[in-house]
mmCIF file of all heavy atoms, coordinates in Angstrom:
data_MODEL
# 
_entry.id   MODEL 
# 
loop_
_atom_site.group_PDB 
_atom_site.id 
_atom_site.type_symbol 
_atom_site.label_atom_id 
_atom_site.label_alt_id 
_atom_site.label_comp_id 
_atom_site.label_asym_id 
_atom_site.label_entity_id 
_atom_site.label_seq_id 
_atom_site.pdbx_PDB_ins_code 
_atom_site.Cartn_x 
_atom_site.Cartn_y 
_atom_site.Cartn_z 
_atom_site.occupancy 
_atom_site.B_iso_or_equiv 
_atom_site.pdbx_formal_charge 
_atom_site.auth_seq_id 
_atom_site.auth_comp_id 
_atom_site.auth_asym_id 
_atom_site.auth_atom_id 
_atom_site.pdbx_PDB_model_num 
ATOM 1   N N   . ALA A 1 1  ? 15.177 17.817 -50.359 1.00 0.00 ? 1  ALA A N   1 
ATOM 2   C CA  . ALA A 1 1  ? 13.990 17.121 -49.918 1.00 0.00 ? 1  ALA A CA  1 
ATOM 3   C C   . ALA A 1 1  ? 12.928 17.189 -50.928 1.00 0.00 ? 1  ALA A C   1 
ATOM 4   O O   . ALA A 1 1  ? 12.817 18.017 -51.805 1.00 0.00 ? 1  ALA A O   1 
ATOM 5   C CB  . ALA A 1 1  ? 13.521 17.897 -48.568 1.00 0.00 ? 1  ALA A CB  1 
ATOM 6   N N   . THR A 1 2  ? 11.976 16.235 -50.762 1.00 0.00 ? 2  THR A N   1 
ATOM 7   C CA  . THR A 1 2  ? 10.817 16.213 -51.752 1.00 0.00 ? 2  THR A CA  1 
ATOM 8   C C   . THR A 1 2  ? 9.692  17.159 -51.446 1.00 0.00 ? 2  THR A C   1 
ATOM 9   O O   . THR A 1 2  ? 8.763  17.340 -52.204 1.00 0.00 ? 2  THR A O   1 
ATOM 10  C CB  . THR A 1 2  ? 10.251 14.767 -51.756 1.00 0.00 ? 2  THR A CB  1 
ATOM 11  O OG1 . THR A 1 2  ? 9.809  14.475 -50.418 1.00 0.00 ? 2  THR A OG1 1 
ATOM 12  C CG2 . THR A 1 2  ? 11.263 13.767 -52.205 1.00 0.00 ? 2  THR A CG2 1 
ATOM 13  N N   . GLY A 1 3  ? 9.789  17.857 -50.315 1.00 0.00 ? 3  GLY A N   1 
ATOM 14  C CA  . GLY A 1 3  ? 8.765  18.850 -49.972 1.00 0.00 ? 3  GLY A CA  1 
ATOM 15  C C   . GLY A 1 3  ? 9.200  19.653 -48.816 1.00 0.00 ? 3  GLY A C   1 
ATOM 16  O O   . GLY A 1 3  ? 10.118 19.253 -48.116 1.00 0.00 ? 3  GLY A O   1 
ATOM 17  N N   . ASN A 1 4  ? 8.481  20.740 -48.520 1.00 0.00 ? 4  ASN A N   1 
ATOM 18  C CA  . ASN A 1 4  ? 8.858  21.527 -47.430 1.00 0.00 ? 4  ASN A CA  1 
ATOM 19  C C   . ASN A 1 4  ? 8.099  21.025 -46.198 1.00 0.00 ? 4  ASN A C   1 
ATOM 20  O O   . ASN A 1 4  ? 6.964  21.428 -45.946 1.00 0.00 ? 4  ASN A O   1 
ATOM 21  C CB  . ASN A 1 4  ? 8.530  23.027 -47.723 1.00 0.00 ? 4  ASN A CB  1 
ATOM 22  C CG  . ASN A 1 4  ? 9.000  23.946 -46.573 1.00 0.00 ? 4  ASN A CG  1 
ATOM 23  O OD1 . ASN A 1 4  ? 9.579  23.509 -45.599 1.00 0.00 ? 4  ASN A OD1 1 
ATOM 24  N ND2 . ASN A 1 4  ? 8.628  25.204 -46.697 1.00 0.00 ? 4  ASN A ND2 1 
ATOM 25  N N   . THR A 1 5  ? 8.761  20.173 -45.454 1.00 0.00 ? 5  THR A N   1 
ATOM 26  C CA  . THR A 1 5  ? 8.144  19.569 -44.295 1.00 0.00 ? 5  THR A CA  1 
ATOM 27  C C   . THR A 1 5  ? 8.482  20.308 -42.994 1.00 0.00 ? 5  THR A C   1 
ATOM 28  O O   . THR A 1 5  ? 8.279  19.818 -41.874 1.00 0.00 ? 5  THR A O   1 
ATOM 29  C CB  . THR A 1 5  ? 8.643  18.106 -44.135 1.00 0.00 ? 5  THR A CB  1 
ATOM 30  O OG1 . THR A 1 5  ? 10.108 18.127 -43.943 1.00 0.00 ? 5  THR A OG1 1 
ATOM 31  C CG2 . THR A 1 5  ? 8.277  17.240 -45.417 1.00 0.00 ? 5  THR A CG2 1 
ATOM 32  N N   . SER A 1 6  ? 8.948  21.474 -43.161 1.00 0.00 ? 6  SER A N   1 
ATOM 33  C CA  . SER A 1 6  ? 9.366  22.306 -42.040 1.00 0.00 ? 6  SER A CA  1 
ATOM 34  C C   . SER A 1 6  ? 8.154  22.810 -41.297 1.00 0.00 ? 6  SER A C   1 
ATOM 35  O O   . SER A 1 6  ? 7.110  23.051 -41.725 1.00 0.00 ? 6  SER A O   1 
ATOM 36  C CB  . SER A 1 6  ? 10.142 23.612 -42.539 1.00 0.00 ? 6  SER A CB  1 
ATOM 37  O OG  . SER A 1 6  ? 10.367 24.414 -41.482 1.00 0.00 ? 6  SER A OG  1 
ATOM 38  N N   . SER A 1 7  ? 8.285  22.925 -39.903 1.00 0.00 ? 7  SER A N   1 
ATOM 39  C CA  . SER A 1 7  ? 7.275  23.454 -39.083 1.00 0.00 ? 7  SER A CA  1 
ATOM 40  C C   . SER A 1 7  ? 7.440  24.973 -38.840 1.00 0.00 ? 7  SER A C   1 
ATOM 41  O O   . SER A 1 7  ? 6.730  25.546 -38.087 1.00 0.00 ? 7  SER A O   1 
ATOM 42  C CB  . SER A 1 7  ? 7.290  22.754 -37.728 1.00 0.00 ? 7  SER A CB  1 
ATOM 43  O OG  . SER A 1 7  ? 8.617  22.910 -37.084 1.00 0.00 ? 7  SER A OG  1 
ATOM 44  N N   . VAL A 1 8  ? 8.440  25.587 -39.510 1.00 0.00 ? 8  VAL A N   1 
ATOM 45  C CA  . VAL A 1 8  ? 8.741  27.037 -39.349 1.00 0.00 ? 8  VAL A CA  1 
ATOM 46  C C   . VAL A 1 8  ? 7.513  27.833 -39.925 1.00 0.00 ? 8  VAL A C   1 
ATOM 47  O O   . VAL A 1 8  ? 7.132  27.612 -41.106 1.00 0.00 ? 8  VAL A O   1 
ATOM 48  C CB  . VAL A 1 8  ? 10.004 27.388 -40.095 1.00 0.00 ? 8  VAL A CB  1 
ATOM 49  C CG1 . VAL A 1 8  ? 10.243 28.934 -40.090 1.00 0.00 ? 8  VAL A CG1 1 
ATOM 50  C CG2 . VAL A 1 8  ? 11.184 26.820 -39.335 1.00 0.00 ? 8  VAL A CG2 1 
ATOM 51  N N   . THR A 1 9  ? 7.000  28.716 -39.149 1.00 0.00 ? 9  THR A N   1 
ATOM 52  C CA  . THR A 1 9  ? 5.854  29.564 -39.621 1.00 0.00 ? 9  THR A CA  1 
ATOM 53  C C   . THR A 1 9  ? 6.292  30.981 -39.768 1.00 0.00 ? 9  THR A C   1 
ATOM 54  O O   . THR A 1 9  ? 5.488  31.720 -40.351 1.00 0.00 ? 9  THR A O   1 
ATOM 55  C CB  . THR A 1 9  ? 4.659  29.411 -38.636 1.00 0.00 ? 9  THR A CB  1 
ATOM 56  O OG1 . THR A 1 9  ? 5.084  29.865 -37.252 1.00 0.00 ? 9  THR A OG1 1 
ATOM 57  C CG2 . THR A 1 9  ? 4.173  28.053 -38.479 1.00 0.00 ? 9  THR A CG2 1 
ATOM 58  N N   . GLU A 1 10 ? 7.348  31.348 -39.149 1.00 0.00 ? 10 GLU A N   1 
ATOM 59  C CA  . GLU A 1 10 ? 7.857  32.744 -39.341 1.00 0.00 ? 10 GLU A CA  1 
ATOM 60  C C   . GLU A 1 10 ? 9.400  32.736 -39.139 1.00 0.00 ? 10 GLU A C   1 
ATOM 61  O O   . GLU A 1 10 ? 9.984  31.802 -38.648 1.00 0.00 ? 10 GLU A O   1 
ATOM 62  C CB  . GLU A 1 10 ? 7.249  33.662 -38.214 1.00 0.00 ? 10 GLU A CB  1 
ATOM 63  C CG  . GLU A 1 10 ? 7.708  33.299 -36.840 1.00 0.00 ? 10 GLU A CG  1 
ATOM 64  C CD  . GLU A 1 10 ? 7.152  34.355 -35.815 1.00 0.00 ? 10 GLU A CD  1 
ATOM 65  O OE1 . GLU A 1 10 ? 6.232  35.103 -36.234 1.00 0.00 ? 10 GLU A OE1 1 
ATOM 66  O OE2 . GLU A 1 10 ? 7.753  34.490 -34.747 1.00 0.00 ? 10 GLU A OE2 1 
ATOM 67  N N   . PHE A 1 11 ? 9.943  33.842 -39.702 1.00 0.00 ? 11 PHE A N   1 
ATOM 68  C CA  . PHE A 1 11 ? 11.409 34.046 -39.639 1.00 0.00 ? 11 PHE A CA  1 
ATOM 69  C C   . PHE A 1 11 ? 11.716 35.269 -38.831 1.00 0.00 ? 11 PHE A C   1 
ATOM 70  O O   . PHE A 1 11 ? 10.934 36.205 -38.823 1.00 0.00 ? 11 PHE A O   1 
ATOM 71  C CB  . PHE A 1 11 ? 11.989 34.116 -40.966 1.00 0.00 ? 11 PHE A CB  1 
ATOM 72  C CG  . PHE A 1 11 ? 11.902 32.835 -41.827 1.00 0.00 ? 11 PHE A CG  1 
ATOM 73  C CD1 . PHE A 1 11 ? 10.912 32.709 -42.787 1.00 0.00 ? 11 PHE A CD1 1 
ATOM 74  C CD2 . PHE A 1 11 ? 12.782 31.760 -41.684 1.00 0.00 ? 11 PHE A CD2 1 
ATOM 75  C CE1 . PHE A 1 11 ? 10.775 31.620 -43.531 1.00 0.00 ? 11 PHE A CE1 1 
ATOM 76  C CE2 . PHE A 1 11 ? 12.622 30.641 -42.448 1.00 0.00 ? 11 PHE A CE2 1 
ATOM 77  C CZ  . PHE A 1 11 ? 11.639 30.471 -43.364 1.00 0.00 ? 11 PHE A CZ  1 
ATOM 78  N N   . ILE A 1 12 ? 12.943 35.337 -38.262 1.00 0.00 ? 12 ILE A N   1 
ATOM 79  C CA  . ILE A 1 12 ? 13.458 36.469 -37.645 1.00 0.00 ? 12 ILE A CA  1 
ATOM 80  C C   . ILE A 1 12 ? 14.513 37.097 -38.518 1.00 0.00 ? 12 ILE A C   1 
ATOM 81  O O   . ILE A 1 12 ? 15.487 36.449 -38.784 1.00 0.00 ? 12 ILE A O   1 
ATOM 82  C CB  . ILE A 1 12 ? 13.910 36.205 -36.211 1.00 0.00 ? 12 ILE A CB  1 
ATOM 83  C CG1 . ILE A 1 12 ? 12.910 35.643 -35.379 1.00 0.00 ? 12 ILE A CG1 1 
ATOM 84  C CG2 . ILE A 1 12 ? 14.497 37.531 -35.631 1.00 0.00 ? 12 ILE A CG2 1 
ATOM 85  C CD1 . ILE A 1 12 ? 13.409 35.159 -33.972 1.00 0.00 ? 12 ILE A CD1 1 
ATOM 86  N N   . LEU A 1 13 ? 14.345 38.273 -38.955 1.00 0.00 ? 13 LEU A N   1 
ATOM 87  C CA  . LEU A 1 13 ? 15.359 38.911 -39.817 1.00 0.00 ? 13 LEU A CA  1 
ATOM 88  C C   . LEU A 1 13 ? 16.473 39.650 -38.923 1.00 0.00 ? 13 LEU A C   1 
ATOM 89  O O   . LEU A 1 13 ? 16.073 40.500 -38.103 1.00 0.00 ? 13 LEU A O   1 
ATOM 90  C CB  . LEU A 1 13 ? 14.777 39.963 -40.701 1.00 0.00 ? 13 LEU A CB  1 
ATOM 91  C CG  . LEU A 1 13 ? 13.716 39.394 -41.741 1.00 0.00 ? 13 LEU A CG  1 
ATOM 92  C CD1 . LEU A 1 13 ? 13.046 40.496 -42.509 1.00 0.00 ? 13 LEU A CD1 1 
ATOM 93  C CD2 . LEU A 1 13 ? 14.313 38.330 -42.626 1.00 0.00 ? 13 LEU A CD2 1 
ATOM 94  N N   . ALA A 1 14 ? 17.693 39.286 -39.085 1.00 0.00 ? 14 ALA A N   1 
ATOM 95  C CA  . ALA A 1 14 ? 18.788 39.820 -38.203 1.00 0.00 ? 14 ALA A CA  1 
ATOM 96  C C   . ALA A 1 14 ? 18.928 41.270 -38.491 1.00 0.00 ? 14 ALA A C   1 
ATOM 97  O O   . ALA A 1 14 ? 19.422 42.035 -37.590 1.00 0.00 ? 14 ALA A O   1 
ATOM 98  C CB  . ALA A 1 14 ? 20.043 38.991 -38.416 1.00 0.00 ? 14 ALA A CB  1 
ATOM 99  N N   . GLY A 1 15 ? 18.619 41.798 -39.762 1.00 0.00 ? 15 GLY A N   1 
ATOM 100 C CA  . GLY A 1 15 ? 18.825 43.182 -40.064 1.00 0.00 ? 15 GLY A CA  1 
ATOM 101 C C   . GLY A 1 15 ? 20.267 43.513 -40.399 1.00 0.00 ? 15 GLY A C   1 
ATOM 102 O O   . GLY A 1 15 ? 21.174 42.596 -40.553 1.00 0.00 ? 15 GLY A O   1 
ATOM 103 N N   . LEU A 1 16 ? 20.567 44.726 -40.706 1.00 0.00 ? 16 LEU A N   1 
ATOM 104 C CA  . LEU A 1 16 ? 21.882 45.252 -41.130 1.00 0.00 ? 16 LEU A CA  1 
ATOM 105 C C   . LEU A 1 16 ? 22.942 45.110 -40.020 1.00 0.00 ? 16 LEU A C   1 
ATOM 106 O O   . LEU A 1 16 ? 24.083 44.742 -40.241 1.00 0.00 ? 16 LEU A O   1 
ATOM 107 C CB  . LEU A 1 16 ? 21.822 46.609 -41.676 1.00 0.00 ? 16 LEU A CB  1 
ATOM 108 C CG  . LEU A 1 16 ? 21.331 46.848 -43.085 1.00 0.00 ? 16 LEU A CG  1 
ATOM 109 C CD1 . LEU A 1 16 ? 21.191 48.245 -43.404 1.00 0.00 ? 16 LEU A CD1 1 
ATOM 110 C CD2 . LEU A 1 16 ? 22.292 46.205 -44.097 1.00 0.00 ? 16 LEU A CD2 1 
ATOM 111 N N   . THR A 1 17 ? 22.560 45.419 -38.823 1.00 0.00 ? 17 THR A N   1 
ATOM 112 C CA  . THR A 1 17 ? 23.516 45.458 -37.710 1.00 0.00 ? 17 THR A CA  1 
ATOM 113 C C   . THR A 1 17 ? 22.768 45.229 -36.421 1.00 0.00 ? 17 THR A C   1 
ATOM 114 O O   . THR A 1 17 ? 21.563 45.466 -36.305 1.00 0.00 ? 17 THR A O   1 
ATOM 115 C CB  . THR A 1 17 ? 24.269 46.796 -37.615 1.00 0.00 ? 17 THR A CB  1 
ATOM 116 O OG1 . THR A 1 17 ? 25.158 46.795 -36.514 1.00 0.00 ? 17 THR A OG1 1 
ATOM 117 C CG2 . THR A 1 17 ? 23.218 47.982 -37.481 1.00 0.00 ? 17 THR A CG2 1 
ATOM 118 N N   . ASP A 1 18 ? 23.556 44.626 -35.449 1.00 0.00 ? 18 ASP A N   1 
ATOM 119 C CA  . ASP A 1 18 ? 23.055 44.409 -34.143 1.00 0.00 ? 18 ASP A CA  1 
ATOM 120 C C   . ASP A 1 18 ? 23.450 45.426 -33.130 1.00 0.00 ? 18 ASP A C   1 
ATOM 121 O O   . ASP A 1 18 ? 23.200 45.282 -31.903 1.00 0.00 ? 18 ASP A O   1 
ATOM 122 C CB  . ASP A 1 18 ? 23.372 42.984 -33.635 1.00 0.00 ? 18 ASP A CB  1 
ATOM 123 C CG  . ASP A 1 18 ? 24.842 42.784 -33.627 1.00 0.00 ? 18 ASP A CG  1 
ATOM 124 O OD1 . ASP A 1 18 ? 25.623 43.674 -33.960 1.00 0.00 ? 18 ASP A OD1 1 
ATOM 125 O OD2 . ASP A 1 18 ? 25.309 41.684 -33.237 1.00 0.00 ? 18 ASP A OD2 1 
ATOM 126 N N   . GLN A 1 19 ? 24.079 46.531 -33.563 1.00 0.00 ? 19 GLN A N   1 
ATOM 127 C CA  . GLN A 1 19 ? 24.550 47.563 -32.651 1.00 0.00 ? 19 GLN A CA  1 
ATOM 128 C C   . GLN A 1 19 ? 23.404 48.594 -32.490 1.00 0.00 ? 19 GLN A C   1 
ATOM 129 O O   . GLN A 1 19 ? 23.049 49.301 -33.478 1.00 0.00 ? 19 GLN A O   1 
ATOM 130 C CB  . GLN A 1 19 ? 25.831 48.208 -33.232 1.00 0.00 ? 19 GLN A CB  1 
ATOM 131 C CG  . GLN A 1 19 ? 27.016 47.309 -33.256 1.00 0.00 ? 19 GLN A CG  1 
ATOM 132 C CD  . GLN A 1 19 ? 28.261 48.010 -33.588 1.00 0.00 ? 19 GLN A CD  1 
ATOM 133 O OE1 . GLN A 1 19 ? 28.411 49.203 -33.487 1.00 0.00 ? 19 GLN A OE1 1 
ATOM 134 N NE2 . GLN A 1 19 ? 29.273 47.238 -34.030 1.00 0.00 ? 19 GLN A NE2 1 
ATOM 135 N N   . PRO A 1 20 ? 22.897 48.785 -31.239 1.00 0.00 ? 20 PRO A N   1 
ATOM 136 C CA  . PRO A 1 20 ? 21.815 49.667 -30.960 1.00 0.00 ? 20 PRO A CA  1 
ATOM 137 C C   . PRO A 1 20 ? 22.102 51.137 -31.406 1.00 0.00 ? 20 PRO A C   1 
ATOM 138 O O   . PRO A 1 20 ? 21.220 51.861 -31.858 1.00 0.00 ? 20 PRO A O   1 
ATOM 139 C CB  . PRO A 1 20 ? 21.536 49.548 -29.535 1.00 0.00 ? 20 PRO A CB  1 
ATOM 140 C CG  . PRO A 1 20 ? 22.114 48.175 -29.122 1.00 0.00 ? 20 PRO A CG  1 
ATOM 141 C CD  . PRO A 1 20 ? 23.266 48.027 -30.078 1.00 0.00 ? 20 PRO A CD  1 
ATOM 142 N N   . ALA A 1 21 ? 23.317 51.534 -31.236 1.00 0.00 ? 21 ALA A N   1 
ATOM 143 C CA  . ALA A 1 21 ? 23.726 52.951 -31.509 1.00 0.00 ? 21 ALA A CA  1 
ATOM 144 C C   . ALA A 1 21 ? 23.596 53.280 -33.002 1.00 0.00 ? 21 ALA A C   1 
ATOM 145 O O   . ALA A 1 21 ? 23.509 54.511 -33.368 1.00 0.00 ? 21 ALA A O   1 
ATOM 146 C CB  . ALA A 1 21 ? 25.084 53.205 -31.006 1.00 0.00 ? 21 ALA A CB  1 
ATOM 147 N N   . LEU A 1 22 ? 23.668 52.249 -33.803 1.00 0.00 ? 22 LEU A N   1 
ATOM 148 C CA  . LEU A 1 22 ? 23.590 52.542 -35.222 1.00 0.00 ? 22 LEU A CA  1 
ATOM 149 C C   . LEU A 1 22 ? 22.163 52.408 -35.853 1.00 0.00 ? 22 LEU A C   1 
ATOM 150 O O   . LEU A 1 22 ? 21.910 52.792 -37.022 1.00 0.00 ? 22 LEU A O   1 
ATOM 151 C CB  . LEU A 1 22 ? 24.431 51.500 -36.032 1.00 0.00 ? 22 LEU A CB  1 
ATOM 152 C CG  . LEU A 1 22 ? 25.958 51.639 -35.791 1.00 0.00 ? 22 LEU A CG  1 
ATOM 153 C CD1 . LEU A 1 22 ? 26.718 50.453 -36.489 1.00 0.00 ? 22 LEU A CD1 1 
ATOM 154 C CD2 . LEU A 1 22 ? 26.463 52.989 -36.253 1.00 0.00 ? 22 LEU A CD2 1 
ATOM 155 N N   . GLN A 1 23 ? 21.199 51.928 -35.047 1.00 0.00 ? 23 GLN A N   1 
ATOM 156 C CA  . GLN A 1 23 ? 19.820 51.684 -35.537 1.00 0.00 ? 23 GLN A CA  1 
ATOM 157 C C   . GLN A 1 23 ? 19.180 52.913 -36.105 1.00 0.00 ? 23 GLN A C   1 
ATOM 158 O O   . GLN A 1 23 ? 18.692 52.997 -37.197 1.00 0.00 ? 23 GLN A O   1 
ATOM 159 C CB  . GLN A 1 23 ? 18.972 50.986 -34.461 1.00 0.00 ? 23 GLN A CB  1 
ATOM 160 C CG  . GLN A 1 23 ? 19.511 49.686 -33.960 1.00 0.00 ? 23 GLN A CG  1 
ATOM 161 C CD  . GLN A 1 23 ? 19.379 48.582 -35.097 1.00 0.00 ? 23 GLN A CD  1 
ATOM 162 O OE1 . GLN A 1 23 ? 18.606 48.727 -36.034 1.00 0.00 ? 23 GLN A OE1 1 
ATOM 163 N NE2 . GLN A 1 23 ? 20.153 47.493 -34.873 1.00 0.00 ? 23 GLN A NE2 1 
ATOM 164 N N   . MET A 1 24 ? 19.105 53.982 -35.222 1.00 0.00 ? 24 MET A N   1 
ATOM 165 C CA  . MET A 1 24 ? 18.421 55.178 -35.661 1.00 0.00 ? 24 MET A CA  1 
ATOM 166 C C   . MET A 1 24 ? 19.156 55.939 -36.815 1.00 0.00 ? 24 MET A C   1 
ATOM 167 O O   . MET A 1 24 ? 18.496 56.407 -37.760 1.00 0.00 ? 24 MET A O   1 
ATOM 168 C CB  . MET A 1 24 ? 18.194 56.168 -34.495 1.00 0.00 ? 24 MET A CB  1 
ATOM 169 C CG  . MET A 1 24 ? 17.093 55.549 -33.487 1.00 0.00 ? 24 MET A CG  1 
ATOM 170 S SD  . MET A 1 24 ? 15.594 54.929 -34.330 1.00 0.00 ? 24 MET A SD  1 
ATOM 171 C CE  . MET A 1 24 ? 14.901 56.456 -35.029 1.00 0.00 ? 24 MET A CE  1 
ATOM 172 N N   . PRO A 1 25 ? 20.418 56.072 -36.705 1.00 0.00 ? 25 PRO A N   1 
ATOM 173 C CA  . PRO A 1 25 ? 21.172 56.764 -37.841 1.00 0.00 ? 25 PRO A CA  1 
ATOM 174 C C   . PRO A 1 25 ? 20.943 55.959 -39.208 1.00 0.00 ? 25 PRO A C   1 
ATOM 175 O O   . PRO A 1 25 ? 20.579 56.689 -40.243 1.00 0.00 ? 25 PRO A O   1 
ATOM 176 C CB  . PRO A 1 25 ? 22.621 56.679 -37.433 1.00 0.00 ? 25 PRO A CB  1 
ATOM 177 C CG  . PRO A 1 25 ? 22.661 56.716 -35.980 1.00 0.00 ? 25 PRO A CG  1 
ATOM 178 C CD  . PRO A 1 25 ? 21.428 55.840 -35.610 1.00 0.00 ? 25 PRO A CD  1 
ATOM 179 N N   . LEU A 1 26 ? 20.943 54.706 -39.138 1.00 0.00 ? 26 LEU A N   1 
ATOM 180 C CA  . LEU A 1 26 ? 20.709 53.842 -40.310 1.00 0.00 ? 26 LEU A CA  1 
ATOM 181 C C   . LEU A 1 26 ? 19.235 54.071 -40.799 1.00 0.00 ? 26 LEU A C   1 
ATOM 182 O O   . LEU A 1 26 ? 18.965 54.104 -42.003 1.00 0.00 ? 26 LEU A O   1 
ATOM 183 C CB  . LEU A 1 26 ? 21.001 52.449 -40.146 1.00 0.00 ? 26 LEU A CB  1 
ATOM 184 C CG  . LEU A 1 26 ? 22.532 52.065 -40.080 1.00 0.00 ? 26 LEU A CG  1 
ATOM 185 C CD1 . LEU A 1 26 ? 22.715 50.585 -39.685 1.00 0.00 ? 26 LEU A CD1 1 
ATOM 186 C CD2 . LEU A 1 26 ? 23.192 52.341 -41.388 1.00 0.00 ? 26 LEU A CD2 1 
ATOM 187 N N   . PHE A 1 27 ? 18.344 54.098 -39.822 1.00 0.00 ? 27 PHE A N   1 
ATOM 188 C CA  . PHE A 1 27 ? 16.926 54.326 -40.149 1.00 0.00 ? 27 PHE A CA  1 
ATOM 189 C C   . PHE A 1 27 ? 16.772 55.578 -40.954 1.00 0.00 ? 27 PHE A C   1 
ATOM 190 O O   . PHE A 1 27 ? 16.095 55.568 -42.041 1.00 0.00 ? 27 PHE A O   1 
ATOM 191 C CB  . PHE A 1 27 ? 16.061 54.261 -38.897 1.00 0.00 ? 27 PHE A CB  1 
ATOM 192 C CG  . PHE A 1 27 ? 14.643 54.725 -39.164 1.00 0.00 ? 27 PHE A CG  1 
ATOM 193 C CD1 . PHE A 1 27 ? 13.720 53.795 -39.603 1.00 0.00 ? 27 PHE A CD1 1 
ATOM 194 C CD2 . PHE A 1 27 ? 14.184 56.016 -38.876 1.00 0.00 ? 27 PHE A CD2 1 
ATOM 195 C CE1 . PHE A 1 27 ? 12.366 54.214 -39.823 1.00 0.00 ? 27 PHE A CE1 1 
ATOM 196 C CE2 . PHE A 1 27 ? 12.862 56.444 -39.221 1.00 0.00 ? 27 PHE A CE2 1 
ATOM 197 C CZ  . PHE A 1 27 ? 11.991 55.396 -39.625 1.00 0.00 ? 27 PHE A CZ  1 
ATOM 198 N N   . PHE A 1 28 ? 17.303 56.664 -40.503 1.00 0.00 ? 28 PHE A N   1 
ATOM 199 C CA  . PHE A 1 28 ? 17.068 58.019 -41.222 1.00 0.00 ? 28 PHE A CA  1 
ATOM 200 C C   . PHE A 1 28 ? 17.831 58.007 -42.487 1.00 0.00 ? 28 PHE A C   1 
ATOM 201 O O   . PHE A 1 28 ? 17.362 58.612 -43.483 1.00 0.00 ? 28 PHE A O   1 
ATOM 202 C CB  . PHE A 1 28 ? 17.524 59.158 -40.247 1.00 0.00 ? 28 PHE A CB  1 
ATOM 203 C CG  . PHE A 1 28 ? 16.523 59.383 -39.163 1.00 0.00 ? 28 PHE A CG  1 
ATOM 204 C CD1 . PHE A 1 28 ? 16.843 59.094 -37.817 1.00 0.00 ? 28 PHE A CD1 1 
ATOM 205 C CD2 . PHE A 1 28 ? 15.300 59.871 -39.447 1.00 0.00 ? 28 PHE A CD2 1 
ATOM 206 C CE1 . PHE A 1 28 ? 15.909 59.368 -36.786 1.00 0.00 ? 28 PHE A CE1 1 
ATOM 207 C CE2 . PHE A 1 28 ? 14.338 60.186 -38.479 1.00 0.00 ? 28 PHE A CE2 1 
ATOM 208 C CZ  . PHE A 1 28 ? 14.717 59.856 -37.095 1.00 0.00 ? 28 PHE A CZ  1 
ATOM 209 N N   . LEU A 1 29 ? 18.974 57.327 -42.535 1.00 0.00 ? 29 LEU A N   1 
ATOM 210 C CA  . LEU A 1 29 ? 19.790 57.307 -43.781 1.00 0.00 ? 29 LEU A CA  1 
ATOM 211 C C   . LEU A 1 29 ? 18.968 56.563 -44.878 1.00 0.00 ? 29 LEU A C   1 
ATOM 212 O O   . LEU A 1 29 ? 18.771 57.028 -46.007 1.00 0.00 ? 29 LEU A O   1 
ATOM 213 C CB  . LEU A 1 29 ? 21.147 56.509 -43.556 1.00 0.00 ? 29 LEU A CB  1 
ATOM 214 C CG  . LEU A 1 29 ? 21.958 56.325 -44.850 1.00 0.00 ? 29 LEU A CG  1 
ATOM 215 C CD1 . LEU A 1 29 ? 22.444 57.549 -45.431 1.00 0.00 ? 29 LEU A CD1 1 
ATOM 216 C CD2 . LEU A 1 29 ? 23.176 55.376 -44.480 1.00 0.00 ? 29 LEU A CD2 1 
# 
């Protein structure tokens, strides 16, 4: 494209994993 005509104002980062049980162990690691 010739320019960024997107209306996106923010992004959502999926992160390393979507498994809740791994969130805190990975945080401390």
